[in-house]
N, C-alpha and C. Protein backbone atom coordinates (compact mmCIF):
# COMPACT_ATOMS: atom_id res chain seq x y z
N MET A 1 198.56 144.17 -139.24
CA MET A 1 198.99 142.79 -139.23
C MET A 1 198.22 142.02 -140.30
N THR A 2 198.90 141.09 -140.88
CA THR A 2 198.24 140.24 -141.87
C THR A 2 197.56 139.10 -141.12
N PRO A 3 196.71 138.39 -141.80
CA PRO A 3 196.05 137.26 -141.13
C PRO A 3 197.05 136.21 -140.65
N PHE A 4 198.27 136.24 -141.17
CA PHE A 4 199.26 135.23 -140.81
C PHE A 4 200.21 135.72 -139.71
N GLY A 5 199.91 136.89 -139.11
CA GLY A 5 200.72 137.38 -138.00
C GLY A 5 201.91 138.21 -138.40
N LYS A 6 202.11 138.43 -139.68
CA LYS A 6 203.25 139.25 -140.11
C LYS A 6 202.78 140.70 -140.20
N LYS A 7 203.68 141.60 -139.90
CA LYS A 7 203.35 143.01 -139.98
C LYS A 7 203.30 143.46 -141.43
N ASP A 8 202.22 144.08 -141.79
CA ASP A 8 202.04 144.59 -143.14
C ASP A 8 202.76 145.93 -143.24
N VAL A 9 203.52 146.14 -144.30
CA VAL A 9 204.25 147.39 -144.50
C VAL A 9 203.30 148.57 -144.59
N SER A 10 202.12 148.35 -145.13
CA SER A 10 201.16 149.45 -145.28
C SER A 10 200.67 149.95 -143.92
N ASP A 11 200.74 149.11 -142.88
CA ASP A 11 200.36 149.56 -141.53
C ASP A 11 201.25 150.71 -141.08
N GLY A 12 202.55 150.59 -141.34
CA GLY A 12 203.49 151.65 -140.98
C GLY A 12 203.18 152.94 -141.71
N ARG A 13 202.81 152.83 -142.96
CA ARG A 13 202.46 154.02 -143.74
C ARG A 13 201.18 154.65 -143.21
N ARG A 14 200.22 153.81 -142.85
CA ARG A 14 198.97 154.33 -142.30
C ARG A 14 199.22 155.07 -140.99
N ILE A 15 200.06 154.50 -140.15
CA ILE A 15 200.38 155.14 -138.88
C ILE A 15 201.08 156.47 -139.13
N ALA A 16 202.04 156.48 -140.04
CA ALA A 16 202.75 157.72 -140.37
C ALA A 16 201.77 158.75 -140.93
N ASP A 17 200.84 158.31 -141.75
CA ASP A 17 199.85 159.21 -142.31
C ASP A 17 198.95 159.78 -141.21
N LEU A 18 198.52 158.94 -140.28
CA LEU A 18 197.68 159.40 -139.17
C LEU A 18 198.44 160.38 -138.28
N GLU A 19 199.71 160.09 -138.02
CA GLU A 19 200.52 161.00 -137.21
C GLU A 19 200.67 162.35 -137.91
N SER A 20 200.87 162.30 -139.22
CA SER A 20 200.99 163.54 -139.99
C SER A 20 199.70 164.35 -139.94
N ARG A 21 198.58 163.65 -140.08
CA ARG A 21 197.28 164.33 -140.00
C ARG A 21 197.05 164.91 -138.62
N ALA A 22 197.43 164.19 -137.59
CA ALA A 22 197.28 164.70 -136.22
C ALA A 22 198.12 165.96 -136.04
N PHE A 23 199.33 165.96 -136.58
CA PHE A 23 200.19 167.14 -136.50
C PHE A 23 199.54 168.31 -137.23
N ASP A 24 198.97 168.05 -138.41
CA ASP A 24 198.29 169.10 -139.17
C ASP A 24 197.10 169.66 -138.39
N ILE A 25 196.37 168.79 -137.71
CA ILE A 25 195.23 169.23 -136.91
C ILE A 25 195.70 170.10 -135.75
N GLU A 26 196.79 169.71 -135.09
CA GLU A 26 197.33 170.51 -134.00
C GLU A 26 197.75 171.89 -134.49
N ARG A 27 198.41 171.95 -135.64
CA ARG A 27 198.81 173.24 -136.20
C ARG A 27 197.59 174.08 -136.54
N ALA A 28 196.55 173.47 -137.09
CA ALA A 28 195.32 174.20 -137.42
C ALA A 28 194.66 174.73 -136.15
N GLN A 29 194.67 173.94 -135.08
CA GLN A 29 194.10 174.39 -133.82
C GLN A 29 194.88 175.57 -133.25
N GLU A 30 196.21 175.50 -133.33
CA GLU A 30 197.04 176.61 -132.86
C GLU A 30 196.77 177.87 -133.67
N ASN A 31 196.65 177.70 -134.99
CA ASN A 31 196.37 178.83 -135.87
C ASN A 31 195.01 179.43 -135.54
N LEU A 32 194.02 178.57 -135.34
CA LEU A 32 192.68 179.05 -134.99
C LEU A 32 192.71 179.78 -133.66
N GLY A 33 193.47 179.23 -132.70
CA GLY A 33 193.58 179.89 -131.40
C GLY A 33 194.17 181.28 -131.51
N SER A 34 195.18 181.44 -132.35
CA SER A 34 195.78 182.76 -132.51
C SER A 34 194.82 183.70 -133.24
N GLN A 35 194.04 183.18 -134.18
CA GLN A 35 193.05 184.01 -134.87
C GLN A 35 191.96 184.47 -133.90
N ILE A 36 191.56 183.59 -133.00
CA ILE A 36 190.56 183.96 -131.99
C ILE A 36 191.12 185.04 -131.07
N SER A 37 192.39 184.91 -130.69
CA SER A 37 193.01 185.93 -129.84
C SER A 37 193.02 187.29 -130.53
N VAL A 38 193.34 187.30 -131.81
CA VAL A 38 193.34 188.55 -132.57
C VAL A 38 191.93 189.13 -132.64
N ALA A 39 190.95 188.28 -132.90
CA ALA A 39 189.56 188.73 -132.97
C ALA A 39 189.11 189.30 -131.63
N ASN A 40 189.49 188.66 -130.53
CA ASN A 40 189.12 189.18 -129.21
C ASN A 40 189.76 190.53 -128.95
N ALA A 41 191.02 190.69 -129.35
CA ALA A 41 191.70 191.97 -129.16
C ALA A 41 191.01 193.07 -129.97
N LYS A 42 190.61 192.74 -131.21
CA LYS A 42 189.91 193.72 -132.03
C LYS A 42 188.55 194.07 -131.42
N ALA A 43 187.88 193.08 -130.88
CA ALA A 43 186.57 193.31 -130.27
C ALA A 43 186.68 194.26 -129.08
N LYS A 44 187.77 194.17 -128.35
CA LYS A 44 187.96 195.06 -127.21
C LYS A 44 188.19 196.50 -127.64
N GLN A 45 188.61 196.70 -128.89
CA GLN A 45 188.83 198.04 -129.40
C GLN A 45 187.53 198.69 -129.84
N VAL A 46 186.51 197.90 -130.03
CA VAL A 46 185.21 198.43 -130.44
C VAL A 46 184.62 199.22 -129.27
N ALA A 47 183.83 200.22 -129.60
CA ALA A 47 183.23 201.06 -128.57
C ALA A 47 182.45 200.20 -127.57
N PRO A 48 182.54 200.55 -126.29
CA PRO A 48 181.76 199.82 -125.28
C PRO A 48 180.26 199.91 -125.59
N LEU A 49 179.51 198.99 -125.04
CA LEU A 49 178.08 198.90 -125.33
C LEU A 49 177.36 200.21 -125.02
N ARG A 50 177.73 200.87 -123.93
CA ARG A 50 177.09 202.14 -123.57
C ARG A 50 177.27 203.16 -124.69
N ASP A 51 178.49 203.23 -125.21
CA ASP A 51 178.75 204.16 -126.30
C ASP A 51 177.99 203.78 -127.56
N GLN A 52 177.87 202.48 -127.81
CA GLN A 52 177.11 202.04 -128.98
C GLN A 52 175.64 202.44 -128.86
N PHE A 53 175.08 202.23 -127.67
CA PHE A 53 173.70 202.64 -127.45
C PHE A 53 173.55 204.14 -127.64
N ALA A 54 174.47 204.92 -127.05
CA ALA A 54 174.39 206.38 -127.16
C ALA A 54 174.51 206.82 -128.62
N MET A 55 175.38 206.17 -129.38
CA MET A 55 175.52 206.53 -130.79
C MET A 55 174.21 206.28 -131.54
N ALA A 56 173.56 205.17 -131.23
CA ALA A 56 172.30 204.86 -131.90
C ALA A 56 171.23 205.88 -131.53
N VAL A 57 171.18 206.24 -130.25
CA VAL A 57 170.19 207.22 -129.79
C VAL A 57 170.43 208.58 -130.42
N ILE A 58 171.69 209.05 -130.38
CA ILE A 58 171.98 210.38 -130.92
C ILE A 58 171.71 210.44 -132.41
N THR A 59 171.94 209.34 -133.09
CA THR A 59 171.65 209.30 -134.52
C THR A 59 170.16 209.53 -134.75
N GLY A 60 169.36 208.85 -133.97
CA GLY A 60 167.92 209.04 -134.10
C GLY A 60 167.47 210.43 -133.72
N LEU A 61 168.04 210.97 -132.64
CA LEU A 61 167.64 212.30 -132.19
C LEU A 61 168.03 213.39 -133.19
N LEU A 62 169.22 213.32 -133.71
CA LEU A 62 169.73 214.40 -134.55
C LEU A 62 169.37 214.26 -136.03
N THR A 63 168.83 213.14 -136.44
CA THR A 63 168.48 213.01 -137.85
C THR A 63 167.07 213.50 -138.15
N SER A 64 166.35 213.81 -137.11
CA SER A 64 165.01 214.35 -137.34
C SER A 64 165.15 215.78 -137.88
N GLU A 65 164.74 216.00 -139.10
CA GLU A 65 164.88 217.32 -139.71
C GLU A 65 164.15 218.40 -138.91
N ALA A 66 163.03 218.05 -138.33
CA ALA A 66 162.28 219.03 -137.56
C ALA A 66 163.08 219.51 -136.35
N LEU A 67 163.73 218.60 -135.66
CA LEU A 67 164.53 218.99 -134.50
C LEU A 67 165.73 219.84 -134.91
N ILE A 68 166.40 219.45 -135.97
CA ILE A 68 167.58 220.18 -136.40
C ILE A 68 167.21 221.59 -136.87
N SER A 69 166.15 221.71 -137.60
CA SER A 69 165.78 223.02 -138.12
C SER A 69 165.29 223.95 -137.01
N ARG A 70 164.70 223.41 -135.97
CA ARG A 70 164.21 224.25 -134.86
C ARG A 70 165.30 224.60 -133.86
N HIS A 71 166.30 223.74 -133.71
CA HIS A 71 167.33 223.93 -132.69
C HIS A 71 168.72 223.65 -133.26
N PRO A 72 169.22 224.53 -134.12
CA PRO A 72 170.51 224.24 -134.75
C PRO A 72 171.74 224.60 -133.90
N SER A 73 171.57 225.01 -132.69
CA SER A 73 172.70 225.50 -131.89
C SER A 73 173.57 224.37 -131.34
N VAL A 74 174.81 224.73 -131.01
CA VAL A 74 175.74 223.78 -130.40
C VAL A 74 175.24 223.37 -129.02
N ASP A 75 174.64 224.31 -128.29
CA ASP A 75 174.10 223.99 -126.97
C ASP A 75 173.03 222.91 -127.07
N TYR A 76 172.20 223.02 -128.09
CA TYR A 76 171.16 222.01 -128.28
C TYR A 76 171.79 220.65 -128.58
N ALA A 77 172.81 220.64 -129.42
CA ALA A 77 173.49 219.38 -129.74
C ALA A 77 174.13 218.78 -128.49
N ALA A 78 174.74 219.63 -127.66
CA ALA A 78 175.36 219.14 -126.42
C ALA A 78 174.31 218.53 -125.49
N GLU A 79 173.16 219.16 -125.44
CA GLU A 79 172.07 218.62 -124.61
C GLU A 79 171.58 217.27 -125.17
N MET A 80 171.55 217.15 -126.48
CA MET A 80 171.14 215.89 -127.08
C MET A 80 172.15 214.78 -126.76
N VAL A 81 173.43 215.12 -126.73
CA VAL A 81 174.45 214.13 -126.37
C VAL A 81 174.23 213.65 -124.94
N LYS A 82 173.98 214.58 -124.03
CA LYS A 82 173.71 214.20 -122.63
C LYS A 82 172.49 213.29 -122.56
N LYS A 83 171.45 213.66 -123.29
CA LYS A 83 170.23 212.84 -123.30
C LYS A 83 170.52 211.46 -123.87
N ALA A 84 171.33 211.41 -124.91
CA ALA A 84 171.66 210.12 -125.53
C ALA A 84 172.32 209.20 -124.52
N TYR A 85 173.25 209.74 -123.72
CA TYR A 85 173.92 208.91 -122.71
C TYR A 85 172.97 208.54 -121.58
N ARG A 86 172.07 209.42 -121.22
CA ARG A 86 171.08 209.05 -120.19
C ARG A 86 170.20 207.92 -120.68
N ILE A 87 169.79 208.01 -121.94
CA ILE A 87 168.97 206.94 -122.51
C ILE A 87 169.78 205.65 -122.61
N ALA A 88 171.06 205.77 -123.01
CA ALA A 88 171.93 204.59 -123.09
C ALA A 88 172.06 203.92 -121.72
N ASP A 89 172.21 204.74 -120.68
CA ASP A 89 172.29 204.19 -119.31
C ASP A 89 171.01 203.47 -118.93
N LEU A 90 169.87 204.04 -119.31
CA LEU A 90 168.59 203.37 -119.05
C LEU A 90 168.50 202.05 -119.81
N MET A 91 169.00 202.06 -121.03
CA MET A 91 168.98 200.83 -121.83
C MET A 91 169.85 199.75 -121.17
N LEU A 92 171.02 200.15 -120.67
CA LEU A 92 171.89 199.18 -119.99
C LEU A 92 171.24 198.66 -118.71
N ASP A 93 170.61 199.55 -117.96
CA ASP A 93 169.91 199.13 -116.73
C ASP A 93 168.83 198.11 -117.07
N GLU A 94 168.07 198.41 -118.11
CA GLU A 94 167.00 197.50 -118.53
C GLU A 94 167.57 196.17 -119.00
N ARG A 95 168.68 196.23 -119.70
CA ARG A 95 169.33 195.01 -120.18
C ARG A 95 169.78 194.14 -119.02
N GLU A 96 170.37 194.76 -118.01
CA GLU A 96 170.84 194.02 -116.83
C GLU A 96 169.71 193.38 -116.06
N SER A 97 168.55 194.05 -116.05
CA SER A 97 167.41 193.50 -115.32
C SER A 97 166.71 192.41 -116.13
N GLY A 98 167.18 192.17 -117.33
CA GLY A 98 166.58 191.14 -118.16
C GLY A 98 165.30 191.61 -118.83
N GLY A 99 165.07 192.91 -118.87
CA GLY A 99 163.89 193.45 -119.50
C GLY A 99 162.62 193.16 -118.73
N ARG A 100 162.75 192.98 -117.43
CA ARG A 100 161.58 192.61 -116.61
C ARG A 100 160.96 193.80 -115.90
N ARG A 101 161.34 194.97 -116.21
CA ARG A 101 160.78 196.16 -115.51
C ARG A 101 159.49 196.59 -116.11
């Protein structure tokens, strides 16, 4: 409104511009929401935490050259995998307790 009570034409343009911007913001929010949904779906495809812990443990166990050279058998590797999961389970237990043990 002008100081004289008449409607200023630029007010209508400002309102239209604000409405357009609001629409753009809504579209951006919808786009972001769909991107978050895709990211969540991809995250669920990642190995569970137990498997991640076991992978880290087995990497450490089997990369020691001394262990590999002394025990190159498949049976030894299978035993290391079992140990890796036992350690991973202990890590999860400790994590759940908040590291207070």
